[in-house]
C-alpha cells in the first residue's frame, strides 16, 4: 500500500542548506577519468592512422596482383592466337 509523503521536520530542513561534504578522492578520480579519456583519444587516432596505412597497402597489393594477372592473360592470348 502507498504511504503518504513525509513532511520535512525543522531538523531535516536545517540540513538542506548545509554545503555538501567534499570527497577527498574526487580530484584523483577526475584526474584518472580525464587521463583515460585522453589515452582513449590518442589510441583511436593511432588506430585510425594504422587503418589508413593498411587500406592503402592492401589496395596497392591488389592492384599489383591485378596487373600481374592481366599481363599473364595477355601472354596466354598471344601464345594461343600467335599474335
PDB file of N, CA and C in Angstrom:
ATOM      1  N   UNK A   1       0.839  -1.168   0.000  1.00  0.00           N
ATOM      2  CA  UNK A   1       0.000   0.000   0.000  1.00  0.00           C
ATOM      3  C   UNK A   1       0.890   1.238   0.000  1.00  0.00           C
ATOM      4  N   UNK A   2       0.435   2.294  -0.590  1.00  0.00           N
ATOM      5  CA  UNK A   2       1.195   3.522  -0.722  1.00  0.00           C
ATOM      6  C   UNK A   2       1.175   4.288   0.595  1.00  0.00           C
ATOM      7  N   UNK A   3       2.355   4.827   0.951  1.00  0.00           N
ATOM      8  CA  UNK A   3       2.448   5.632   2.165  1.00  0.00           C
ATOM      9  C   UNK A   3       2.368   7.103   1.799  1.00  0.00           C
ATOM     10  N   UNK A   4       1.865   7.923   2.677  1.00  0.00           N
ATOM     11  CA  UNK A   4       1.817   9.365   2.394  1.00  0.00           C
ATOM     12  C   UNK A   4       3.218   9.962   2.414  1.00  0.00           C
ATOM     13  N   UNK A   5       3.377  11.057   1.691  1.00  0.00           N
ATOM     14  CA  UNK A   5       4.677  11.717   1.627  1.00  0.00           C
ATOM     15  C   UNK A   5       5.068  12.247   2.997  1.00  0.00           C
ATOM     16  N   UNK A   6       6.371  12.192   3.279  1.00  0.00           N
ATOM     17  CA  UNK A   6       6.854  12.698   4.568  1.00  0.00           C
ATOM     18  C   UNK A   6       6.837  14.212   4.558  1.00  0.00           C
ATOM     19  N   UNK A   7       6.477  14.762   5.638  1.00  0.00           N
ATOM     20  CA  UNK A   7       6.526  16.207   5.814  1.00  0.00           C
ATOM     21  C   UNK A   7       7.858  16.502   6.501  1.00  0.00           C
ATOM     22  N   UNK A   8       8.691  17.333   5.862  1.00  0.00           N
ATOM     23  CA  UNK A   8      10.005  17.575   6.472  1.00  0.00           C
ATOM     24  C   UNK A   8       9.878  18.294   7.815  1.00  0.00           C
ATOM     25  N   UNK A   9      10.643  17.806   8.751  1.00  0.00           N
ATOM     26  CA  UNK A   9      10.659  18.425  10.081  1.00  0.00           C
ATOM     27  C   UNK A   9      11.674  19.560  10.085  1.00  0.00           C
ATOM     28  N   UNK A  10      11.645  20.440  11.058  1.00  0.00           N
ATOM     29  CA  UNK A  10      12.635  21.527  11.108  1.00  0.00           C
ATOM     30  C   UNK A  10      14.072  20.998  11.149  1.00  0.00           C
ATOM     31  N   UNK A  11      14.297  19.833  11.735  1.00  0.00           N
ATOM     32  CA  UNK A  11      15.650  19.269  11.795  1.00  0.00           C
ATOM     33  C   UNK A  11      16.087  18.865  10.387  1.00  0.00           C
ATOM     34  N   UNK A  12      15.199  18.241   9.604  1.00  0.00           N
ATOM     35  CA  UNK A  12      15.526  17.843   8.234  1.00  0.00           C
ATOM     36  C   UNK A  12      15.751  19.068   7.358  1.00  0.00           C
ATOM     37  N   UNK A  13      14.969  20.097   7.540  1.00  0.00           N
ATOM     38  CA  UNK A  13      15.081  21.301   6.727  1.00  0.00           C
ATOM     39  C   UNK A  13      16.395  22.031   6.995  1.00  0.00           C
ATOM     40  N   UNK A  14      16.927  21.922   8.187  1.00  0.00           N
ATOM     41  CA  UNK A  14      18.186  22.596   8.524  1.00  0.00           C
ATOM     42  C   UNK A  14      19.338  21.996   7.743  1.00  0.00           C
ATOM     43  N   UNK A  15      19.281  20.700   7.433  1.00  0.00           N
ATOM     44  CA  UNK A  15      20.372  20.033   6.713  1.00  0.00           C
ATOM     45  C   UNK A  15      20.345  20.318   5.214  1.00  0.00           C
ATOM     46  N   UNK A  16      19.278  20.852   4.703  1.00  0.00           N
ATOM     47  CA  UNK A  16      19.166  21.126   3.279  1.00  0.00           C
ATOM     48  C   UNK A  16      20.130  22.224   2.870  1.00  0.00           C
ATOM     49  N   UNK A  17      20.347  23.228   3.705  1.00  0.00           N
ATOM     50  CA  UNK A  17      21.194  24.363   3.371  1.00  0.00           C
ATOM     51  C   UNK A  17      22.671  24.127   3.658  1.00  0.00           C
ATOM     52  N   UNK A  18      23.009  23.033   4.315  1.00  0.00           N
ATOM     53  CA  UNK A  18      24.415  22.753   4.615  1.00  0.00           C
ATOM     54  C   UNK A  18      25.157  22.445   3.317  1.00  0.00           C
ATOM     55  N   UNK A  19      26.393  22.938   3.185  1.00  0.00           N
ATOM     56  CA  UNK A  19      27.155  22.617   1.971  1.00  0.00           C
ATOM     57  C   UNK A  19      27.527  21.132   1.969  1.00  0.00           C
ATOM     58  N   UNK A  20      27.620  20.544   0.800  1.00  0.00           N
ATOM     59  CA  UNK A  20      27.978  19.121   0.754  1.00  0.00           C
ATOM     60  C   UNK A  20      29.410  18.920   1.252  1.00  0.00           C
ATOM     61  N   UNK A  21      29.633  17.776   1.835  1.00  0.00           N
ATOM     62  CA  UNK A  21      30.967  17.435   2.338  1.00  0.00           C
ATOM     63  C   UNK A  21      31.807  17.001   1.136  1.00  0.00           C
ATOM     64  N   UNK A  22      32.943  17.674   0.906  1.00  0.00           N
ATOM     65  CA  UNK A  22      33.751  17.306  -0.265  1.00  0.00           C
ATOM     66  C   UNK A  22      34.384  15.931  -0.092  1.00  0.00           C
ATOM     67  N   UNK A  23      34.423  15.197  -1.175  1.00  0.00           N
ATOM     68  CA  UNK A  23      35.042  13.881  -1.169  1.00  0.00           C
ATOM     69  C   UNK A  23      36.519  14.065  -1.496  1.00  0.00           C
ATOM     70  N   UNK A  24      37.422  13.599  -0.639  1.00  0.00           N
ATOM     71  CA  UNK A  24      38.851  13.792  -0.911  1.00  0.00           C
ATOM     72  C   UNK A  24      39.336  13.030  -2.147  1.00  0.00           C
ATOM     73  N   UNK A  25      38.582  12.047  -2.602  1.00  0.00           N
ATOM     74  CA  UNK A  25      39.003  11.259  -3.767  1.00  0.00           C
ATOM     75  C   UNK A  25      38.482  11.827  -5.085  1.00  0.00           C
ATOM     76  N   UNK A  26      37.694  12.918  -5.030  1.00  0.00           N
ATOM     77  CA  UNK A  26      37.135  13.489  -6.253  1.00  0.00           C
ATOM     78  C   UNK A  26      38.221  13.930  -7.226  1.00  0.00           C
ATOM     79  N   UNK A  27      39.234  14.604  -6.738  1.00  0.00           N
ATOM     80  CA  UNK A  27      40.295  15.109  -7.611  1.00  0.00           C
ATOM     81  C   UNK A  27      41.052  13.954  -8.268  1.00  0.00           C
ATOM     82  N   UNK A  28      41.331  12.922  -7.491  1.00  0.00           N
ATOM     83  CA  UNK A  28      42.054  11.763  -8.030  1.00  0.00           C
ATOM     84  C   UNK A  28      41.211  11.040  -9.078  1.00  0.00           C
ATOM     85  N   UNK A  29      39.916  10.887  -8.780  1.00  0.00           N
ATOM     86  CA  UNK A  29      39.022  10.227  -9.738  1.00  0.00           C
ATOM     87  C   UNK A  29      38.905  11.036 -11.028  1.00  0.00           C
ATOM     88  N   UNK A  30      38.784  12.352 -10.894  1.00  0.00           N
ATOM     89  CA  UNK A  30      38.686  13.214 -12.083  1.00  0.00           C
ATOM     90  C   UNK A  30      39.975  13.143 -12.899  1.00  0.00           C
ATOM     91  N   UNK A  31      41.119  13.125 -12.215  1.00  0.00           N
ATOM     92  CA  UNK A  31      42.409  13.022 -12.908  1.00  0.00           C
ATOM     93  C   UNK A  31      42.482  11.733 -13.711  1.00  0.00           C
ATOM     94  N   UNK A  32      42.125  10.613 -13.078  1.00  0.00           N
ATOM     95  CA  UNK A  32      42.190   9.324 -13.764  1.00  0.00           C
ATOM     96  C   UNK A  32      41.174   9.248 -14.902  1.00  0.00           C
ATOM     97  N   UNK A  33      39.996   9.848 -14.696  1.00  0.00           N
ATOM     98  CA  UNK A  33      38.977   9.848 -15.739  1.00  0.00           C
ATOM     99  C   UNK A  33      39.471  10.600 -16.972  1.00  0.00           C
ATOM    100  N   UNK A  34      39.997  11.799 -16.793  1.00  0.00           N
ATOM    101  CA  UNK A  34      40.454  12.597 -17.921  1.00  0.00           C
ATOM    102  C   UNK A  34      41.702  11.999 -18.566  1.00  0.00           C
ATOM    103  N   UNK A  35      42.539  11.386 -17.756  1.00  0.00           N
ATOM    104  CA  UNK A  35      43.726  10.731 -18.309  1.00  0.00           C
ATOM    105  C   UNK A  35      43.319   9.546 -19.186  1.00  0.00           C
ATOM    106  N   UNK A  36      42.342   8.763 -18.722  1.00  0.00           N
ATOM    107  CA  UNK A  36      41.853   7.628 -19.511  1.00  0.00           C
ATOM    108  C   UNK A  36      41.172   8.116 -20.794  1.00  0.00           C
ATOM    109  N   UNK A  37      40.451   9.219 -20.686  1.00  0.00           N
ATOM    110  CA  UNK A  37      39.787   9.787 -21.862  1.00  0.00           C
ATOM    111  C   UNK A  37      40.821  10.235 -22.893  1.00  0.00           C
ATOM    112  N   UNK A  38      41.891  10.887 -22.428  1.00  0.00           N
ATOM    113  CA  UNK A  38      42.959  11.334 -23.326  1.00  0.00           C
ATOM    114  C   UNK A  38      43.661  10.125 -23.950  1.00  0.00           C
ATOM    115  N   UNK A  39      43.922   9.105 -23.156  1.00  0.00           N
ATOM    116  CA  UNK A  39      44.577   7.895 -23.658  1.00  0.00           C
ATOM    117  C   UNK A  39      43.709   7.222 -24.726  1.00  0.00           C
ATOM    118  N   UNK A  40      42.401   7.172 -24.503  1.00  0.00           N
ATOM    119  CA  UNK A  40      41.500   6.571 -25.493  1.00  0.00           C
ATOM    120  C   UNK A  40      41.484   7.388 -26.780  1.00  0.00           C
ATOM    121  N   UNK A  41      41.519   8.717 -26.658  1.00  0.00           N
ATOM    122  CA  UNK A  41      41.526   9.569 -27.847  1.00  0.00           C
ATOM    123  C   UNK A  41      42.799   9.350 -28.657  1.00  0.00           C
ATOM    124  N   UNK A  42      43.932   9.260 -27.977  1.00  0.00           N
ATOM    125  CA  UNK A  42      45.210   9.027 -28.659  1.00  0.00           C
ATOM    126  C   UNK A  42      45.210   7.643 -29.304  1.00  0.00           C
ATOM    127  N   UNK A  43      44.668   6.658 -28.606  1.00  0.00           N
ATOM    128  CA  UNK A  43      44.619   5.301 -29.145  1.00  0.00           C
ATOM    129  C   UNK A  43      43.723   5.241 -30.382  1.00  0.00           C
ATOM    130  N   UNK A  44      42.585   5.932 -30.353  1.00  0.00           N
ATOM    131  CA  UNK A  44      41.709   5.971 -31.537  1.00  0.00           C
ATOM    132  C   UNK A  44      42.420   6.614 -32.717  1.00  0.00           C
ATOM    133  N   UNK A  45      43.161   7.692 -32.455  1.00  0.00           N
ATOM    134  CA  UNK A  45      43.900   8.369 -33.524  1.00  0.00           C
ATOM    135  C   UNK A  45      44.944   7.431 -34.121  1.00  0.00           C
ATOM    136  N   UNK A  46      45.661   6.717 -33.261  1.00  0.00           N
ATOM    137  CA  UNK A  46      46.688   5.775 -33.721  1.00  0.00           C
ATOM    138  C   UNK A  46      46.058   4.641 -34.536  1.00  0.00           C
ATOM    139  N   UNK A  47      44.943   4.102 -34.058  1.00  0.00           N
ATOM    140  CA  UNK A  47      44.274   3.023 -34.784  1.00  0.00           C
ATOM    141  C   UNK A  47      43.764   3.499 -36.139  1.00  0.00           C
ATOM    142  N   UNK A  48      43.246   4.722 -36.203  1.00  0.00           N
ATOM    143  CA  UNK A  48      42.764   5.263 -37.469  1.00  0.00           C
ATOM    144  C   UNK A  48      43.911   5.414 -38.457  1.00  0.00           C
ATOM    145  N   UNK A  49      45.072   5.868 -37.965  1.00  0.00           N
ATOM    146  CA  UNK A  49      46.241   6.026 -38.833  1.00  0.00           C
ATOM    147  C   UNK A  49      46.674   4.668 -39.382  1.00  0.00           C
ATOM    148  N   UNK A  50      46.746   3.651 -38.522  1.00  0.00           N
ATOM    149  CA  UNK A  50      47.149   2.322 -38.979  1.00  0.00           C
ATOM    150  C   UNK A  50      46.116   1.724 -39.940  1.00  0.00           C
ATOM    151  N   UNK A  51      44.844   2.024 -39.730  1.00  0.00           N
ATOM    152  CA  UNK A  51      43.802   1.528 -40.637  1.00  0.00           C
ATOM    153  C   UNK A  51      43.990   2.128 -42.024  1.00  0.00           C
ATOM    154  N   UNK A  52      44.317   3.413 -42.086  1.00  0.00           N
ATOM    155  CA  UNK A  52      44.570   4.039 -43.395  1.00  0.00           C
ATOM    156  C   UNK A  52      45.765   3.406 -44.088  1.00  0.00           C
ATOM    157  N   UNK A  53      46.826   3.188 -43.317  1.00  0.00           N
ATOM    158  CA  UNK A  53      48.029   2.576 -43.896  1.00  0.00           C
ATOM    159  C   UNK A  53      47.707   1.175 -44.410  1.00  0.00           C
ATOM    160  N   UNK A  54      46.973   0.366 -43.633  1.00  0.00           N
ATOM    161  CA  UNK A  54      46.601  -0.986 -44.076  1.00  0.00           C
ATOM    162  C   UNK A  54      45.743  -0.939 -45.337  1.00  0.00           C
ATOM    163  N   UNK A  55      44.809   0.013 -45.377  1.00  0.00           N
ATOM    164  CA  UNK A  55      43.932   0.128 -46.549  1.00  0.00           C
ATOM    165  C   UNK A  55      44.743   0.399 -47.805  1.00  0.00           C
ATOM    166  N   UNK A  56      45.613   1.402 -47.771  1.00  0.00           N
ATOM    167  CA  UNK A  56      46.382   1.755 -48.963  1.00  0.00           C
ATOM    168  C   UNK A  56      47.360   0.644 -49.338  1.00  0.00           C
ATOM    169  N   UNK A  57      47.931  -0.036 -48.348  1.00  0.00           N
ATOM    170  CA  UNK A  57      48.832  -1.156 -48.621  1.00  0.00           C
ATOM    171  C   UNK A  57      48.086  -2.287 -49.328  1.00  0.00           C
ATOM    172  N   UNK A  58      46.915  -2.641 -48.806  1.00  0.00           N
ATOM    173  CA  UNK A  58      46.142  -3.726 -49.420  1.00  0.00           C
ATOM    174  C   UNK A  58      45.651  -3.325 -50.806  1.00  0.00           C
ATOM    175  N   UNK A  59      45.259  -2.071 -50.983  1.00  0.00           N
ATOM    176  CA  UNK A  59      44.840  -1.608 -52.307  1.00  0.00           C
ATOM    177  C   UNK A  59      46.001  -1.696 -53.290  1.00  0.00           C
ATOM    178  N   UNK A  60      47.191  -1.298 -52.871  1.00  0.00           N
ATOM    179  CA  UNK A  60      48.380  -1.414 -53.722  1.00  0.00           C
ATOM    180  C   UNK A  60      48.676  -2.858 -54.075  1.00  0.00           C
ATOM    181  N   UNK A  61      48.584  -3.752 -53.079  1.00  0.00           N
ATOM    182  CA  UNK A  61      48.824  -5.182 -53.348  1.00  0.00           C
ATOM    183  C   UNK A  61      47.809  -5.728 -54.344  1.00  0.00           C
ATOM    184  N   UNK A  62      46.553  -5.355 -54.184  1.00  0.00           N
ATOM    185  CA  UNK A  62      45.527  -5.831 -55.111  1.00  0.00           C
ATOM    186  C   UNK A  62      45.772  -5.314 -56.527  1.00  0.00           C
ATOM    187  N   UNK A  63      46.201  -4.072 -56.648  1.00  0.00           N
ATOM    188  CA  UNK A  63      46.494  -3.527 -57.976  1.00  0.00           C
ATOM    189  C   UNK A  63      47.679  -4.240 -58.621  1.00  0.00           C
ATOM    190  N   UNK A  64      48.698  -4.553 -57.830  1.00  0.00           N
ATOM    191  CA  UNK A  64      49.850  -5.295 -58.365  1.00  0.00           C
ATOM    192  C   UNK A  64      49.414  -6.685 -58.817  1.00  0.00           C
ATOM    193  N   UNK A  65      48.615  -7.368 -58.014  1.00  0.00           N
ATOM    194  CA  UNK A  65      48.126  -8.702 -58.387  1.00  0.00           C
ATOM    195  C   UNK A  65      47.283  -8.612 -59.655  1.00  0.00           C
ATOM    196  N   UNK A  66      46.441  -7.606 -59.744  1.00  0.00           N
ATOM    197  CA  UNK A  66      45.612  -7.415 -60.934  1.00  0.00           C
ATOM    198  C   UNK A  66      46.475  -7.174 -62.172  1.00  0.00           C
ATOM    199  N   UNK A  67      47.525  -6.377 -62.024  1.00  0.00           N
ATOM    200  CA  UNK A  67      48.421  -6.105 -63.155  1.00  0.00           C
ATOM    201  C   UNK A  67      49.140  -7.388 -63.580  1.00  0.00           C
ATOM    202  N   UNK A  68      49.608  -8.182 -62.630  1.00  0.00           N
ATOM    203  CA  UNK A  68      50.299  -9.439 -62.950  1.00  0.00           C
ATOM    204  C   UNK A  68      49.352 -10.393 -63.666  1.00  0.00           C
ATOM    205  N   UNK A  69      48.141 -10.523 -63.171  1.00  0.00           N
ATOM    206  CA  UNK A  69      47.165 -11.408 -63.820  1.00  0.00           C
ATOM    207  C   UNK A  69      46.854 -10.906 -65.228  1.00  0.00           C
ATOM    208  N   UNK A  70      46.716  -9.585 -65.383  1.00  0.00           N
ATOM    209  CA  UNK A  70      46.461  -9.019 -66.708  1.00  0.00           C
ATOM    210  C   UNK A  70      47.578  -9.321 -67.678  1.00  0.00           C
ATOM    211  N   UNK A  71      48.829  -9.182 -67.249  1.00  0.00           N
ATOM    212  CA  UNK A  71      49.977  -9.476 -68.119  1.00  0.00           C
ATOM    213  C   UNK A  71      49.997 -10.958 -68.469  1.00  0.00           C
ATOM    214  N   UNK A  72      49.743 -11.834 -67.502  1.00  0.00           N
ATOM    215  CA  UNK A  72      49.731 -13.275 -67.788  1.00  0.00           C
ATOM    216  C   UNK A  72      48.623 -13.638 -68.765  1.00  0.00           C
ATOM    217  N   UNK A  73      47.455 -13.014 -68.616  1.00  0.00           N
ATOM    218  CA  UNK A  73      46.356 -13.285 -69.546  1.00  0.00           C
ATOM    219  C   UNK A  73      46.730 -12.825 -70.955  1.00  0.00           C
ATOM    220  N   UNK A  74      47.331 -11.648 -71.062  1.00  0.00           N
ATOM    221  CA  UNK A  74      47.744 -11.155 -72.378  1.00  0.00           C
ATOM    222  C   UNK A  74      48.782 -12.078 -73.016  1.00  0.00           C
ATOM    223  N   UNK A  75      49.722 -12.596 -72.224  1.00  0.00           N
ATOM    224  CA  UNK A  75      50.720 -13.532 -72.760  1.00  0.00           C
ATOM    225  C   UNK A  75      50.064 -14.808 -73.262  1.00  0.00           C
ATOM    226  N   UNK A  76      49.083 -15.321 -72.512  1.00  0.00           N
ATOM    227  CA  UNK A  76      48.387 -16.538 -72.932  1.00  0.00           C
ATOM    228  C   UNK A  76      47.593 -16.299 -74.214  1.00  0.00           C
ATOM    229  N   UNK A  77      46.950 -15.130 -74.304  1.00  0.00           N
ATOM    230  CA  UNK A  77      46.207 -14.806 -75.533  1.00  0.00           C
ATOM    231  C   UNK A  77      47.164 -14.737 -76.724  1.00  0.00           C
ATOM    232  N   UNK A  78      48.342 -14.131 -76.533  1.00  0.00           N
ATOM    233  CA  UNK A  78      49.327 -14.049 -77.617  1.00  0.00           C
ATOM    234  C   UNK A  78      49.824 -15.441 -78.007  1.00  0.00           C
ATOM    235  N   UNK A  79      50.033 -16.310 -77.028  1.00  0.00           N
ATOM    236  CA  UNK A  79      50.507 -17.668 -77.332  1.00  0.00           C
ATOM    237  C   UNK A  79      49.433 -18.464 -78.080  1.00  0.00           C
ATOM    238  N   UNK A  80      48.191 -18.331 -77.686  1.00  0.00           N
ATOM    239  CA  UNK A  80      47.110 -19.119 -78.292  1.00  0.00           C
ATOM    240  C   UNK A  80      46.836 -18.652 -79.710  1.00  0.00           C
ATOM    241  N   UNK A  81      46.767 -17.334 -79.911  1.00  0.00           N
ATOM    242  CA  UNK A  81      46.415 -16.811 -81.230  1.00  0.00           C
ATOM    243  C   UNK A  81      47.639 -16.456 -82.077  1.00  0.00           C
ATOM    244  N   UNK A  82      48.835 -16.570 -81.547  1.00  0.00           N
ATOM    245  CA  UNK A  82      50.055 -16.326 -82.305  1.00  0.00           C
ATOM    246  C   UNK A  82      50.217 -14.876 -82.732  1.00  0.00           C
ATOM    247  N   UNK A  83      49.852 -13.992 -81.877  1.00  0.00           N
ATOM    248  CA  UNK A  83      49.942 -12.571 -82.207  1.00  0.00           C
ATOM    249  C   UNK A  83      51.337 -12.063 -81.957  1.00  0.00           C
TER     250      UNK A  83
END
